[in-house]
Amino acid sequence: MENYVWPGNVRQLQHMMERLTILAPGGRIDEEAVREAIEAMQPHDRGGETLADTEAEQIRRVLSATGQQEPRRQDPGH
């Protein structure tokens, strides 16, 4: 955490800690979780990815982190 620039300053740190607290498996925040949270805050060039794609990926991450499964979607044609 000391090596990260924190362009958003205290507010960005607060958001990261909130994210870690919510997503921490078993309520434990370890070094790997912090590293992943910092990486998730880094801007990524996602090319043609849409907002819906980004939202769907974030939902999958949260479900995975909390041990839940993504609900199955029904085929709209049936």
Protein backbone atom coordinates (compact mmCIF):
# COMPACT_ATOMS: atom_id res chain seq x y z
CA MET A 1 0.00 0.00 0.00
CA GLU A 2 2.92 2.33 0.64
CA ASN A 3 4.05 2.09 -2.99
CA TYR A 4 0.67 3.03 -4.46
CA VAL A 5 0.38 6.70 -5.50
CA TRP A 6 -3.23 7.19 -4.21
CA PRO A 7 -4.34 9.79 -6.74
CA GLY A 8 -7.73 9.99 -5.03
CA ASN A 9 -6.05 10.52 -1.65
CA VAL A 10 -8.01 9.68 1.52
CA ARG A 11 -11.32 9.12 -0.25
CA GLN A 12 -9.79 6.51 -2.55
CA LEU A 13 -8.20 4.74 0.43
CA GLN A 14 -11.54 4.78 2.25
CA HIS A 15 -13.31 3.24 -0.77
CA MET A 16 -10.68 0.54 -1.03
CA MET A 17 -11.02 -0.33 2.66
CA GLU A 18 -14.81 -0.48 2.31
CA ARG A 19 -14.45 -2.78 -0.70
CA LEU A 20 -12.01 -5.00 1.17
CA THR A 21 -14.31 -5.18 4.19
CA ILE A 22 -17.29 -6.21 2.07
CA LEU A 23 -15.44 -8.72 -0.08
CA ALA A 24 -13.09 -10.21 2.54
CA PRO A 25 -13.68 -13.96 2.70
CA GLY A 26 -14.32 -14.91 6.30
CA GLY A 27 -13.80 -11.30 7.37
CA ARG A 28 -10.04 -11.56 6.91
CA ILE A 29 -8.14 -9.01 4.82
CA ASP A 30 -4.77 -10.37 3.74
CA GLU A 31 -1.94 -9.09 1.58
CA GLU A 32 -3.31 -10.75 -1.56
CA ALA A 33 -6.72 -9.10 -1.08
CA VAL A 34 -5.08 -5.68 -0.75
CA ARG A 35 -2.96 -6.29 -3.84
CA GLU A 36 -6.05 -7.32 -5.84
CA ALA A 37 -8.02 -4.29 -4.62
CA ILE A 38 -5.23 -1.92 -5.67
CA GLU A 39 -4.99 -3.64 -9.05
CA ALA A 40 -8.76 -3.31 -9.51
CA MET A 41 -8.45 0.46 -8.99
CA GLN A 42 -5.89 0.83 -11.77
CA PRO A 43 -7.29 2.12 -15.06
CA HIS A 44 -7.44 -0.59 -17.69
CA ASP A 45 -7.69 -0.27 -21.45
CA ARG A 46 -10.70 -2.45 -22.12
CA GLY A 47 -11.05 -1.66 -25.80
CA GLY A 48 -14.63 -2.28 -26.93
CA GLU A 49 -15.93 -3.37 -23.54
CA THR A 50 -19.28 -1.82 -22.69
CA LEU A 51 -20.56 -0.63 -19.32
CA ALA A 52 -22.82 -3.71 -19.22
CA ASP A 53 -19.75 -5.95 -19.71
CA THR A 54 -17.94 -4.16 -16.87
CA GLU A 55 -20.96 -4.43 -14.58
CA ALA A 56 -21.41 -8.13 -15.35
CA GLU A 57 -17.74 -8.80 -14.58
CA GLN A 58 -17.97 -6.93 -11.28
CA ILE A 59 -21.08 -8.91 -10.31
CA ARG A 60 -19.24 -12.17 -11.07
CA ARG A 61 -16.31 -11.05 -8.90
CA VAL A 62 -18.57 -10.19 -5.97
CA LEU A 63 -20.49 -13.44 -6.27
CA SER A 64 -17.25 -15.38 -6.43
CA ALA A 65 -15.77 -13.54 -3.45
CA THR A 66 -18.88 -14.16 -1.37
CA GLY A 67 -19.23 -17.82 -2.38
CA GLN A 68 -22.46 -17.31 -4.27
CA GLN A 69 -23.33 -18.44 -7.78
CA GLU A 70 -24.62 -16.38 -10.65
CA PRO A 71 -28.34 -17.00 -11.16
CA ARG A 72 -29.24 -18.94 -14.27
CA ARG A 73 -30.98 -16.90 -16.92
CA GLN A 74 -34.06 -18.14 -18.67
CA ASP A 75 -34.14 -18.14 -22.43
CA PRO A 76 -36.46 -15.20 -23.37
CA GLY A 77 -37.77 -17.24 -26.31
CA HIS A 78 -39.28 -19.90 -24.05
